[in-house]
Amino acid sequence: MWADNETSDDLIGFQVHADLIRSVVSDDKMLPVTIGVFGDWGGGKTSIMKMLKRDLASENWTDEDVEQALYQDIAVVYFNGWLFEGYEDAKSAILSSILLALGDHKRFGPKIRDKAV
């Protein structure tokens, strides 16, 4: 049996799903939007999210990436809820993750970055 390890490499043909999500969140006419990714345990949900994070993260862009301008205002917040047992722990961790991502993102000015930190 194969190990159930998430990956940002498309080993199961799910890049099409990550591309669809990316096109929705980068389209101003679609915003605001909430997207749910549902599936059975081991079905590839985390891999889709890791592919999406890889595609949207500015550190992965090259000078030839035409789509950079579309994604430069998107802050990527990756959160693994499986690391936390209780609701309060998970709630605190996700809020911390959001604040850290906002503090690190270049889109936001010093006032927001300082308040996030």
PDB file of N, CA and C in Angstrom:
ATOM      1  N   MET A   1       0.838  -1.178   0.000  1.00  0.00           N
ATOM      2  CA  MET A   1       0.000   0.000   0.000  1.00  0.00           C
ATOM      3  C   MET A   1       0.886   1.245   0.000  1.00  0.00           C
ATOM      4  N   TRP A   2       0.452   2.287  -0.694  1.00  0.00           N
ATOM      5  CA  TRP A   2       1.208   3.534  -0.756  1.00  0.00           C
ATOM      6  C   TRP A   2       1.030   4.338   0.515  1.00  0.00           C
ATOM      7  N   ALA A   3       2.070   5.081   0.838  1.00  0.00           N
ATOM      8  CA  ALA A   3       1.986   5.986   1.986  1.00  0.00           C
ATOM      9  C   ALA A   3       1.079   7.161   1.623  1.00  0.00           C
ATOM     10  N   ASP A   4       0.375   7.675   2.593  1.00  0.00           N
ATOM     11  CA  ASP A   4      -0.513   8.814   2.369  1.00  0.00           C
ATOM     12  C   ASP A   4       0.226  10.092   2.733  1.00  0.00           C
ATOM     13  N   ASN A   5       1.062  10.552   1.823  1.00  0.00           N
ATOM     14  CA  ASN A   5       1.836  11.765   2.048  1.00  0.00           C
ATOM     15  C   ASN A   5       1.398  12.819   1.049  1.00  0.00           C
ATOM     16  N   GLU A   6       1.061  13.993   1.567  1.00  0.00           N
ATOM     17  CA  GLU A   6       0.669  15.075   0.676  1.00  0.00           C
ATOM     18  C   GLU A   6       1.879  15.581  -0.100  1.00  0.00           C
ATOM     19  N   THR A   7       1.623  16.216  -1.240  1.00  0.00           N
ATOM     20  CA  THR A   7       2.702  16.688  -2.088  1.00  0.00           C
ATOM     21  C   THR A   7       2.251  17.906  -2.876  1.00  0.00           C
ATOM     22  N   SER A   8       3.189  18.736  -3.271  1.00  0.00           N
ATOM     23  CA  SER A   8       2.865  19.840  -4.175  1.00  0.00           C
ATOM     24  C   SER A   8       3.129  19.435  -5.619  1.00  0.00           C
ATOM     25  N   ASP A   9       3.679  18.258  -5.831  1.00  0.00           N
ATOM     26  CA  ASP A   9       3.862  17.713  -7.180  1.00  0.00           C
ATOM     27  C   ASP A   9       2.592  16.967  -7.559  1.00  0.00           C
ATOM     28  N   ASP A  10       2.106  17.188  -8.760  1.00  0.00           N
ATOM     29  CA  ASP A  10       0.845  16.588  -9.185  1.00  0.00           C
ATOM     30  C   ASP A  10       1.055  15.136  -9.591  1.00  0.00           C
ATOM     31  N   LEU A  11       0.913  14.256  -8.621  1.00  0.00           N
ATOM     32  CA  LEU A  11       1.099  12.823  -8.874  1.00  0.00           C
ATOM     33  C   LEU A  11      -0.218  12.117  -9.151  1.00  0.00           C
ATOM     34  N   ILE A  12      -1.340  12.803  -8.925  1.00  0.00           N
ATOM     35  CA  ILE A  12      -2.632  12.138  -9.064  1.00  0.00           C
ATOM     36  C   ILE A  12      -3.565  12.856 -10.039  1.00  0.00           C
ATOM     37  N   GLY A  13      -3.033  13.786 -10.824  1.00  0.00           N
ATOM     38  CA  GLY A  13      -3.834  14.458 -11.843  1.00  0.00           C
ATOM     39  C   GLY A  13      -4.820  15.474 -11.289  1.00  0.00           C
ATOM     40  N   PHE A  14      -4.470  16.108 -10.159  1.00  0.00           N
ATOM     41  CA  PHE A  14      -5.369  17.064  -9.529  1.00  0.00           C
ATOM     42  C   PHE A  14      -4.977  18.514  -9.787  1.00  0.00           C
ATOM     43  N   GLN A  15      -3.964  18.763 -10.601  1.00  0.00           N
ATOM     44  CA  GLN A  15      -3.564  20.145 -10.887  1.00  0.00           C
ATOM     45  C   GLN A  15      -4.730  20.928 -11.495  1.00  0.00           C
ATOM     46  N   VAL A  16      -5.581  20.248 -12.237  1.00  0.00           N
ATOM     47  CA  VAL A  16      -6.742  20.902 -12.840  1.00  0.00           C
ATOM     48  C   VAL A  16      -7.638  21.524 -11.767  1.00  0.00           C
ATOM     49  N   HIS A  17      -7.753  20.885 -10.622  1.00  0.00           N
ATOM     50  CA  HIS A  17      -8.566  21.422  -9.532  1.00  0.00           C
ATOM     51  C   HIS A  17      -7.881  22.643  -8.897  1.00  0.00           C
ATOM     52  N   ALA A  18      -6.586  22.554  -8.693  1.00  0.00           N
ATOM     53  CA  ALA A  18      -5.837  23.692  -8.155  1.00  0.00           C
ATOM     54  C   ALA A  18      -5.913  24.878  -9.127  1.00  0.00           C
ATOM     55  N   ASP A  19      -5.843  24.599 -10.424  1.00  0.00           N
ATOM     56  CA  ASP A  19      -5.938  25.664 -11.427  1.00  0.00           C
ATOM     57  C   ASP A  19      -7.303  26.340 -11.390  1.00  0.00           C
ATOM     58  N   LEU A  20      -8.356  25.553 -11.210  1.00  0.00           N
ATOM     59  CA  LEU A  20      -9.703  26.114 -11.138  1.00  0.00           C
ATOM     60  C   LEU A  20      -9.854  27.010  -9.916  1.00  0.00           C
ATOM     61  N   ILE A  21      -9.385  26.548  -8.776  1.00  0.00           N
ATOM     62  CA  ILE A  21      -9.461  27.362  -7.557  1.00  0.00           C
ATOM     63  C   ILE A  21      -8.653  28.642  -7.738  1.00  0.00           C
ATOM     64  N   ARG A  22      -7.462  28.519  -8.311  1.00  0.00           N
ATOM     65  CA  ARG A  22      -6.608  29.696  -8.536  1.00  0.00           C
ATOM     66  C   ARG A  22      -7.300  30.700  -9.453  1.00  0.00           C
ATOM     67  N   SER A  23      -7.986  30.226 -10.493  1.00  0.00           N
ATOM     68  CA  SER A  23      -8.666  31.150 -11.408  1.00  0.00           C
ATOM     69  C   SER A  23      -9.828  31.861 -10.721  1.00  0.00           C
ATOM     70  N   VAL A  24     -10.493  31.192  -9.804  1.00  0.00           N
ATOM     71  CA  VAL A  24     -11.611  31.813  -9.086  1.00  0.00           C
ATOM     72  C   VAL A  24     -11.101  32.870  -8.109  1.00  0.00           C
ATOM     73  N   VAL A  25     -10.084  32.542  -7.297  1.00  0.00           N
ATOM     74  CA  VAL A  25      -9.621  33.495  -6.282  1.00  0.00           C
ATOM     75  C   VAL A  25      -8.854  34.666  -6.872  1.00  0.00           C
ATOM     76  N   SER A  26      -8.412  34.560  -8.119  1.00  0.00           N
ATOM     77  CA  SER A  26      -7.685  35.671  -8.736  1.00  0.00           C
ATOM     78  C   SER A  26      -8.583  36.517  -9.643  1.00  0.00           C
ATOM     79  N   ASP A  27      -9.866  36.187  -9.716  1.00  0.00           N
ATOM     80  CA  ASP A  27     -10.818  36.926 -10.547  1.00  0.00           C
ATOM     81  C   ASP A  27     -11.592  37.903  -9.660  1.00  0.00           C
ATOM     82  N   ASP A  28     -11.346  39.196  -9.850  1.00  0.00           N
ATOM     83  CA  ASP A  28     -11.991  40.225  -9.030  1.00  0.00           C
ATOM     84  C   ASP A  28     -13.514  40.154  -9.097  1.00  0.00           C
ATOM     85  N   LYS A  29     -14.057  39.714 -10.223  1.00  0.00           N
ATOM     86  CA  LYS A  29     -15.518  39.632 -10.368  1.00  0.00           C
ATOM     87  C   LYS A  29     -16.120  38.528  -9.507  1.00  0.00           C
ATOM     88  N   MET A  30     -15.307  37.578  -9.064  1.00  0.00           N
ATOM     89  CA  MET A  30     -15.787  36.457  -8.258  1.00  0.00           C
ATOM     90  C   MET A  30     -15.682  36.731  -6.756  1.00  0.00           C
ATOM     91  N   LEU A  31     -14.975  37.786  -6.381  1.00  0.00           N
ATOM     92  CA  LEU A  31     -14.705  38.045  -4.972  1.00  0.00           C
ATOM     93  C   LEU A  31     -15.811  38.847  -4.317  1.00  0.00           C
ATOM     94  N   PRO A  32     -16.087  38.679  -3.060  1.00  0.00           N
ATOM     95  CA  PRO A  32     -15.488  37.703  -2.156  1.00  0.00           C
ATOM     96  C   PRO A  32     -16.052  36.312  -2.415  1.00  0.00           C
ATOM     97  N   VAL A  33     -15.248  35.318  -2.121  1.00  0.00           N
ATOM     98  CA  VAL A  33     -15.651  33.945  -2.387  1.00  0.00           C
ATOM     99  C   VAL A  33     -15.141  33.033  -1.275  1.00  0.00           C
ATOM    100  N   THR A  34     -15.902  31.998  -1.000  1.00  0.00           N
ATOM    101  CA  THR A  34     -15.482  30.954  -0.075  1.00  0.00           C
ATOM    102  C   THR A  34     -15.523  29.644  -0.841  1.00  0.00           C
ATOM    103  N   ILE A  35     -14.456  28.884  -0.751  1.00  0.00           N
ATOM    104  CA  ILE A  35     -14.365  27.614  -1.476  1.00  0.00           C
ATOM    105  C   ILE A  35     -14.120  26.500  -0.476  1.00  0.00           C
ATOM    106  N   GLY A  36     -14.872  25.448  -0.602  1.00  0.00           N
ATOM    107  CA  GLY A  36     -14.665  24.263   0.227  1.00  0.00           C
ATOM    108  C   GLY A  36     -14.071  23.154  -0.617  1.00  0.00           C
ATOM    109  N   VAL A  37     -13.084  22.475  -0.074  1.00  0.00           N
ATOM    110  CA  VAL A  37     -12.483  21.314  -0.744  1.00  0.00           C
ATOM    111  C   VAL A  37     -12.845  20.097   0.097  1.00  0.00           C
ATOM    112  N   PHE A  38     -13.662  19.232  -0.470  1.00  0.00           N
ATOM    113  CA  PHE A  38     -14.179  18.081   0.259  1.00  0.00           C
ATOM    114  C   PHE A  38     -13.739  16.790  -0.405  1.00  0.00           C
ATOM    115  N   GLY A  39     -13.542  15.768   0.392  1.00  0.00           N
ATOM    116  CA  GLY A  39     -13.196  14.456  -0.133  1.00  0.00           C
ATOM    117  C   GLY A  39     -12.906  13.500   1.002  1.00  0.00           C
ATOM    118  N   ASP A  40     -12.810  12.244   0.661  1.00  0.00           N
ATOM    119  CA  ASP A  40     -12.501  11.213   1.649  1.00  0.00           C
ATOM    120  C   ASP A  40     -11.084  11.390   2.175  1.00  0.00           C
ATOM    121  N   TRP A  41     -10.819  10.742   3.312  1.00  0.00           N
ATOM    122  CA  TRP A  41      -9.482  10.745   3.879  1.00  0.00           C
ATOM    123  C   TRP A  41      -8.530  10.122   2.858  1.00  0.00           C
ATOM    124  N   GLY A  42      -7.438  10.820   2.576  1.00  0.00           N
ATOM    125  CA  GLY A  42      -6.462  10.330   1.601  1.00  0.00           C
ATOM    126  C   GLY A  42      -6.857  10.604   0.160  1.00  0.00           C
ATOM    127  N   GLY A  43      -7.888  11.423  -0.039  1.00  0.00           N
ATOM    128  CA  GLY A  43      -8.393  11.675  -1.387  1.00  0.00           C
ATOM    129  C   GLY A  43      -7.646  12.741  -2.167  1.00  0.00           C
ATOM    130  N   GLY A  44      -6.711  13.462  -1.539  1.00  0.00           N
ATOM    131  CA  GLY A  44      -5.902  14.448  -2.253  1.00  0.00           C
ATOM    132  C   GLY A  44      -6.204  15.899  -1.934  1.00  0.00           C
ATOM    133  N   LYS A  45      -7.021  16.165  -0.921  1.00  0.00           N
ATOM    134  CA  LYS A  45      -7.377  17.541  -0.573  1.00  0.00           C
ATOM    135  C   LYS A  45      -6.144  18.365  -0.205  1.00  0.00           C
ATOM    136  N   THR A  46      -5.302  17.830   0.645  1.00  0.00           N
ATOM    137  CA  THR A  46      -4.112  18.561   1.075  1.00  0.00           C
ATOM    138  C   THR A  46      -3.154  18.765  -0.088  1.00  0.00           C
ATOM    139  N   SER A  47      -3.035  17.787  -0.957  1.00  0.00           N
ATOM    140  CA  SER A  47      -2.163  17.939  -2.128  1.00  0.00           C
ATOM    141  C   SER A  47      -2.664  19.050  -3.041  1.00  0.00           C
ATOM    142  N   ILE A  48      -3.980  19.135  -3.235  1.00  0.00           N
ATOM    143  CA  ILE A  48      -4.535  20.232  -4.035  1.00  0.00           C
ATOM    144  C   ILE A  48      -4.175  21.567  -3.404  1.00  0.00           C
ATOM    145  N   MET A  49      -4.321  21.673  -2.102  1.00  0.00           N
ATOM    146  CA  MET A  49      -4.019  22.930  -1.417  1.00  0.00           C
ATOM    147  C   MET A  49      -2.524  23.257  -1.481  1.00  0.00           C
ATOM    148  N   LYS A  50      -1.679  22.244  -1.398  1.00  0.00           N
ATOM    149  CA  LYS A  50      -0.232  22.493  -1.506  1.00  0.00           C
ATOM    150  C   LYS A  50       0.149  22.925  -2.923  1.00  0.00           C
ATOM    151  N   MET A  51      -0.505  22.348  -3.943  1.00  0.00           N
ATOM    152  CA  MET A  51      -0.262  22.789  -5.326  1.00  0.00           C
ATOM    153  C   MET A  51      -0.694  24.239  -5.495  1.00  0.00           C
ATOM    154  N   LEU A  52      -1.830  24.579  -4.921  1.00  0.00           N
ATOM    155  CA  LEU A  52      -2.339  25.947  -4.998  1.00  0.00           C
ATOM    156  C   LEU A  52      -1.392  26.914  -4.292  1.00  0.00           C
ATOM    157  N   LYS A  53      -0.931  26.541  -3.122  1.00  0.00           N
ATOM    158  CA  LYS A  53       0.018  27.383  -2.389  1.00  0.00           C
ATOM    159  C   LYS A  53       1.297  27.580  -3.206  1.00  0.00           C
ATOM    160  N   ARG A  54       1.804  26.501  -3.788  1.00  0.00           N
ATOM    161  CA  ARG A  54       3.016  26.587  -4.609  1.00  0.00           C
ATOM    162  C   ARG A  54       2.818  27.551  -5.778  1.00  0.00           C
ATOM    163  N   ASP A  55       1.672  27.465  -6.432  1.00  0.00           N
ATOM    164  CA  ASP A  55       1.415  28.301  -7.609  1.00  0.00           C
ATOM    165  C   ASP A  55       1.214  29.770  -7.262  1.00  0.00           C
ATOM    166  N   LEU A  56       0.686  30.051  -6.081  1.00  0.00           N
ATOM    167  CA  LEU A  56       0.389  31.432  -5.700  1.00  0.00           C
ATOM    168  C   LEU A  56       1.517  32.117  -4.938  1.00  0.00           C
ATOM    169  N   ALA A  57       2.424  31.362  -4.371  1.00  0.00           N
ATOM    170  CA  ALA A  57       3.484  31.946  -3.546  1.00  0.00           C
ATOM    171  C   ALA A  57       4.520  32.661  -4.413  1.00  0.00           C
ATOM    172  N   SER A  58       4.779  33.909  -4.069  1.00  0.00           N
ATOM    173  CA  SER A  58       5.666  34.744  -4.889  1.00  0.00           C
ATOM    174  C   SER A  58       7.098  34.216  -4.950  1.00  0.00           C
ATOM    175  N   GLU A  59       7.530  33.474  -3.941  1.00  0.00           N
ATOM    176  CA  GLU A  59       8.909  32.971  -3.971  1.00  0.00           C
ATOM    177  C   GLU A  59       9.114  31.910  -5.056  1.00  0.00           C
ATOM    178  N   ASN A  60       8.029  31.394  -5.622  1.00  0.00           N
ATOM    179  CA  ASN A  60       8.128  30.385  -6.684  1.00  0.00           C
ATOM    180  C   ASN A  60       8.031  30.971  -8.078  1.00  0.00           C
ATOM    181  N   TRP A  61       7.828  32.271  -8.200  1.00  0.00           N
ATOM    182  CA  TRP A  61       7.681  32.891  -9.507  1.00  0.00           C
ATOM    183  C   TRP A  61       9.035  33.133 -10.146  1.00  0.00           C
ATOM    184  N   THR A  62       9.041  33.104 -11.451  1.00  0.00           N
ATOM    185  CA  THR A  62      10.235  33.472 -12.213  1.00  0.00           C
ATOM    186  C   THR A  62       9.934  34.780 -12.940  1.00  0.00           C
ATOM    187  N   ASP A  63      10.938  35.382 -13.529  1.00  0.00           N
ATOM    188  CA  ASP A  63      10.747  36.637 -14.248  1.00  0.00           C
ATOM    189  C   ASP A  63       9.839  36.465 -15.466  1.00  0.00           C
ATOM    190  N   GLU A  64       9.716  35.248 -15.968  1.00  0.00           N
ATOM    191  CA  GLU A  64       8.900  34.988 -17.155  1.00  0.00           C
ATOM    192  C   GLU A  64       7.419  34.775 -16.820  1.00  0.00           C
ATOM    193  N   ASP A  65       7.059  34.691 -15.554  1.00  0.00           N
ATOM    194  CA  ASP A  65       5.674  34.424 -15.180  1.00  0.00           C
ATOM    195  C   ASP A  65       4.791  35.627 -15.475  1.00  0.00           C
ATOM    196  N   VAL A  66       3.942  35.476 -16.482  1.00  0.00           N
ATOM    197  CA  VAL A  66       3.050  36.554 -16.896  1.00  0.00           C
ATOM    198  C   VAL A  66       1.951  36.768 -15.866  1.00  0.00           C
ATOM    199  N   GLU A  67       1.552  35.708 -15.192  1.00  0.00           N
ATOM    200  CA  GLU A  67       0.430  35.790 -14.263  1.00  0.00           C
ATOM    201  C   GLU A  67       0.804  36.411 -12.918  1.00  0.00           C
ATOM    202  N   GLN A  68       2.055  36.774 -12.740  1.00  0.00           N
ATOM    203  CA  GLN A  68       2.492  37.352 -11.467  1.00  0.00           C
ATOM    204  C   GLN A  68       1.616  38.498 -11.012  1.00  0.00           C
ATOM    205  N   ALA A  69       1.272  39.388 -11.922  1.00  0.00           N
ATOM    206  CA  ALA A  69       0.484  40.567 -11.566  1.00  0.00           C
ATOM    207  C   ALA A  69      -0.873  40.170 -10.993  1.00  0.00           C
ATOM    208  N   LEU A  70      -1.435  39.062 -11.468  1.00  0.00           N
ATOM    209  CA  LEU A  70      -2.729  38.607 -10.969  1.00  0.00           C
ATOM    210  C   LEU A  70      -2.649  38.115  -9.532  1.00  0.00           C
ATOM    211  N   TYR A  71      -1.512  37.576  -9.159  1.00  0.00           N
ATOM    212  CA  TYR A  71      -1.385  36.902  -7.871  1.00  0.00           C
ATOM    213  C   TYR A  71      -0.643  37.705  -6.815  1.00  0.00           C
ATOM    214  N   GLN A  72      -0.075  38.848  -7.179  1.00  0.00           N
ATOM    215  CA  GLN A  72       0.775  39.562  -6.227  1.00  0.00           C
ATOM    216  C   GLN A  72       0.018  40.085  -5.015  1.00  0.00           C
ATOM    217  N   ASP A  73      -1.302  40.263  -5.130  1.00  0.00           N
ATOM    218  CA  ASP A  73      -2.080  40.770  -4.003  1.00  0.00           C
ATOM    219  C   ASP A  73      -2.702  39.663  -3.160  1.00  0.00           C
ATOM    220  N   ILE A  74      -2.438  38.409  -3.518  1.00  0.00           N
ATOM    221  CA  ILE A  74      -3.019  37.286  -2.790  1.00  0.00           C
ATOM    222  C   ILE A  74      -2.049  36.837  -1.704  1.00  0.00           C
ATOM    223  N   ALA A  75      -2.526  36.863  -0.474  1.00  0.00           N
ATOM    224  CA  ALA A  75      -1.729  36.355   0.643  1.00  0.00           C
ATOM    225  C   ALA A  75      -2.098  34.892   0.859  1.00  0.00           C
ATOM    226  N   VAL A  76      -1.114  34.027   0.834  1.00  0.00           N
ATOM    227  CA  VAL A  76      -1.347  32.599   1.014  1.00  0.00           C
ATOM    228  C   VAL A  76      -1.157  32.249   2.485  1.00  0.00           C
ATOM    229  N   VAL A  77      -2.199  31.663   3.068  1.00  0.00           N
ATOM    230  CA  VAL A  77      -2.143  31.215   4.457  1.00  0.00           C
ATOM    231  C   VAL A  77      -2.391  29.717   4.446  1.00  0.00           C
ATOM    232  N   TYR A  78      -1.378  28.951   4.784  1.00  0.00           N
ATOM    233  CA  TYR A  78      -1.535  27.500   4.835  1.00  0.00           C
ATOM    234  C   TYR A  78      -1.634  27.090   6.293  1.00  0.00           C
ATOM    235  N   PHE A  79      -2.648  26.313   6.587  1.00  0.00           N
ATOM    236  CA  PHE A  79      -2.889  25.906   7.972  1.00  0.00           C
ATOM    237  C   PHE A  79      -3.226  24.423   7.993  1.00  0.00           C
ATOM    238  N   ASN A  80      -2.530  23.682   8.843  1.00  0.00           N
ATOM    239  CA  ASN A  80      -2.775  22.247   8.986  1.00  0.00           C
ATOM    240  C   ASN A  80      -3.508  22.009  10.296  1.00  0.00           C
ATOM    241  N   GLY A  81      -4.816  21.857  10.201  1.00  0.00           N
ATOM    242  CA  GLY A  81      -5.647  21.682  11.386  1.00  0.00           C
ATOM    243  C   GLY A  81      -5.421  20.371  12.113  1.00  0.00           C
ATOM    244  N   TRP A  82      -4.805  19.388  11.443  1.00  0.00           N
ATOM    245  CA  TRP A  82      -4.558  18.089  12.067  1.00  0.00           C
ATOM    246  C   TRP A  82      -3.510  18.158  13.170  1.00  0.00           C
ATOM    247  N   LEU A  83      -2.780  19.248  13.229  1.00  0.00           N
ATOM    248  CA  LEU A  83      -1.734  19.378  14.240  1.00  0.00           C
ATOM    249  C   LEU A  83      -2.274  19.753  15.618  1.00  0.00           C
ATOM    250  N   PHE A  84      -3.559  20.068  15.695  1.00  0.00           N
ATOM    251  CA  PHE A  84      -4.128  20.581  16.932  1.00  0.00           C
ATOM    252  C   PHE A  84      -5.287  19.713  17.384  1.00  0.00           C
ATOM    253  N   GLU A  85      -5.316  19.423  18.680  1.00  0.00           N
ATOM    254  CA  GLU A  85      -6.334  18.524  19.208  1.00  0.00           C
ATOM    255  C   GLU A  85      -7.628  19.239  19.561  1.00  0.00           C
ATOM    256  N   GLY A  86      -7.526  20.360  20.221  1.00  0.00           N
ATOM    257  CA  GLY A  86      -8.715  21.029  20.717  1.00  0.00           C
ATOM    258  C   GLY A  86      -9.116  22.222  19.876  1.00  0.00           C
ATOM    259  N   TYR A  87     -10.370  22.621  20.021  1.00  0.00           N
ATOM    260  CA  TYR A  87     -10.910  23.753  19.280  1.00  0.00           C
ATOM    261  C   TYR A  87     -10.151  25.039  19.607  1.00  0.00           C
ATOM    262  N   GLU A  88      -9.897  25.290  20.881  1.00  0.00           N
ATOM    263  CA  GLU A  88      -9.215  26.518  21.284  1.00  0.00           C
ATOM    264  C   GLU A  88      -7.794  26.575  20.723  1.00  0.00           C
ATOM    265  N   ASP A  89      -7.083  25.441  20.758  1.00  0.00           N
ATOM    266  CA  ASP A  89      -5.732  25.394  20.195  1.00  0.00           C
ATOM    267  C   ASP A  89      -5.753  25.699  18.701  1.00  0.00           C
ATOM    268  N   ALA A  90      -6.686  25.073  17.999  1.00  0.00           N
ATOM    269  CA  ALA A  90      -6.785  25.269  16.550  1.00  0.00           C
ATOM    270  C   ALA A  90      -7.185  26.707  16.231  1.00  0.00           C
ATOM    271  N   LYS A  91      -8.114  27.244  16.990  1.00  0.00           N
ATOM    272  CA  LYS A  91      -8.571  28.620  16.764  1.00  0.00           C
ATOM    273  C   LYS A  91      -7.413  29.605  16.956  1.00  0.00           C
ATOM    274  N   SER A  92      -6.671  29.451  18.006  1.00  0.00           N
ATOM    275  CA  SER A  92      -5.523  30.334  18.255  1.00  0.00           C
ATOM    276  C   SER A  92      -4.471  30.193  17.164  1.00  0.00           C
ATOM    277  N   ALA A  93      -4.218  28.966  16.748  1.00  0.00           N
ATOM    278  CA  ALA A  93      -3.185  28.721  15.733  1.00  0.00           C
ATOM    279  C   ALA A  93      -3.581  29.301  14.380  1.00  0.00           C
ATOM    280  N   ILE A  94      -4.838  29.155  13.978  1.00  0.00           N
ATOM    281  CA  ILE A  94      -5.239  29.685  12.669  1.00  0.00           C
ATOM    282  C   ILE A  94      -5.219  31.207  12.682  1.00  0.00           C
ATOM    283  N   LEU A  95      -5.644  31.821  13.787  1.00  0.00           N
ATOM    284  CA  LEU A  95      -5.575  33.282  13.871  1.00  0.00           C
ATOM    285  C   LEU A  95      -4.124  33.766  13.835  1.00  0.00           C
ATOM    286  N   SER A  96      -3.241  33.060  14.508  1.00  0.00           N
ATOM    287  CA  SER A  96      -1.811  33.409  14.467  1.00  0.00           C
ATOM    288  C   SER A  96      -1.262  33.264  13.052  1.00  0.00           C
ATOM    289  N   SER A  97      -1.652  32.205  12.360  1.00  0.00           N
ATOM    290  CA  SER A  97      -1.193  31.985  10.979  1.00  0.00           C
ATOM    291  C   SER A  97      -1.645  33.124  10.068  1.00  0.00           C
ATOM    292  N   ILE A  98      -2.888  33.550  10.233  1.00  0.00           N
ATOM    293  CA  ILE A  98      -3.418  34.645   9.410  1.00  0.00           C
ATOM    294  C   ILE A  98      -2.664  35.933   9.706  1.00  0.00           C
ATOM    295  N   LEU A  99      -2.467  36.244  10.978  1.00  0.00           N
ATOM    296  CA  LEU A  99      -1.761  37.475  11.342  1.00  0.00           C
ATOM    297  C   LEU A  99      -0.321  37.469  10.844  1.00  0.00           C
ATOM    298  N   LEU A 100       0.352  36.333  10.951  1.00  0.00           N
ATOM    299  CA  LEU A 100       1.731  36.243  10.447  1.00  0.00           C
ATOM    300  C   LEU A 100       1.784  36.427   8.934  1.00  0.00           C
ATOM    301  N   ALA A 101       0.835  35.812   8.211  1.00  0.00           N
ATOM    302  CA  ALA A 101       0.809  35.955   6.753  1.00  0.00           C
ATOM    303  C   ALA A 101       0.545  37.403   6.356  1.00  0.00           C
ATOM    304  N   LEU A 102      -0.361  38.072   7.063  1.00  0.00           N
ATOM    305  CA  LEU A 102      -0.634  39.481   6.771  1.00  0.00           C
ATOM    306  C   LEU A 102       0.583  40.340   7.079  1.00  0.00           C
ATOM    307  N   GLY A 103       1.271  40.037   8.168  1.00  0.00           N
ATOM    308  CA  GLY A 103       2.461  40.794   8.533  1.00  0.00           C
ATOM    309  C   GLY A 103       3.602  40.613   7.548  1.00  0.00           C
ATOM    310  N   ASP A 104       3.665  39.445   6.920  1.00  0.00           N
ATOM    311  CA  ASP A 104       4.746  39.157   5.979  1.00  0.00           C
ATOM    312  C   ASP A 104       4.448  39.585   4.550  1.00  0.00           C
ATOM    313  N   HIS A 105       3.193  39.833   4.222  1.00  0.00           N
ATOM    314  CA  HIS A 105       2.811  40.080   2.831  1.00  0.00           C
ATOM    315  C   HIS A 105       3.161  41.497   2.406  1.00  0.00           C
ATOM    316  N   LYS A 106       3.748  41.634   1.228  1.00  0.00           N
ATOM    317  CA  LYS A 106       4.205  42.933   0.750  1.00  0.00           C
ATOM    318  C   LYS A 106       3.067  43.862   0.335  1.00  0.00           C
ATOM    319  N   ARG A 107       1.877  43.302   0.119  1.00  0.00           N
ATOM    320  CA  ARG A 107       0.752  44.127  -0.303  1.00  0.00           C
ATOM    321  C   ARG A 107       0.350  45.125   0.770  1.00  0.00           C
ATOM    322  N   PHE A 108       0.484  44.729   2.010  1.00  0.00           N
ATOM    323  CA  PHE A 108       0.000  45.550   3.107  1.00  0.00           C
ATOM    324  C   PHE A 108       1.069  46.529   3.557  1.00  0.00           C
ATOM    325  N   GLY A 109       0.626  47.724   3.861  1.00  0.00           N
ATOM    326  CA  GLY A 109       1.556  48.773   4.273  1.00  0.00           C
ATOM    327  C   GLY A 109       2.061  48.549   5.682  1.00  0.00           C
ATOM    328  N   PRO A 110       2.966  49.414   6.121  1.00  0.00           N
ATOM    329  CA  PRO A 110       3.575  49.257   7.442  1.00  0.00           C
ATOM    330  C   PRO A 110       2.562  49.307   8.588  1.00  0.00           C
ATOM    331  N   LYS A 111       1.491  50.088   8.425  1.00  0.00           N
ATOM    332  CA  LYS A 111       0.506  50.203   9.499  1.00  0.00           C
ATOM    333  C   LYS A 111      -0.153  48.839   9.760  1.00  0.00           C
ATOM    334  N   ILE A 112      -0.580  48.181   8.723  1.00  0.00           N
ATOM    335  CA  ILE A 112      -1.222  46.849   8.880  1.00  0.00           C
ATOM    336  C   ILE A 112      -0.188  45.840   9.332  1.00  0.00           C
ATOM    337  N   ARG A 113       1.002  45.864   8.742  1.00  0.00           N
ATOM    338  CA  ARG A 113       2.051  44.905   9.127  1.00  0.00           C
ATOM    339  C   ARG A 113       2.387  45.055  10.609  1.00  0.00           C
ATOM    340  N   ASP A 114       2.524  46.283  11.087  1.00  0.00           N
ATOM    341  CA  ASP A 114       2.853  46.505  12.497  1.00  0.00           C
ATOM    342  C   ASP A 114       1.741  46.006  13.416  1.00  0.00           C
ATOM    343  N   LYS A 115       0.487  46.255  13.029  1.00  0.00           N
ATOM    344  CA  LYS A 115      -0.630  45.796  13.859  1.00  0.00           C
ATOM    345  C   LYS A 115      -0.733  44.275  13.842  1.00  0.00           C
ATOM    346  N   ALA A 116      -0.440  43.656  12.711  1.00  0.00           N
ATOM    347  CA  ALA A 116      -0.497  42.195  12.612  1.00  0.00           C
ATOM    348  C   ALA A 116       0.562  41.562  13.500  1.00  0.00           C
ATOM    349  N   VAL A 117       1.740  42.158  13.515  1.00  0.00           N
ATOM    350  CA  VAL A 117       2.817  41.625  14.343  1.00  0.00           C
ATOM    351  C   VAL A 117       2.492  41.834  15.804  1.00  0.00           C
TER     352      VAL A 117
END
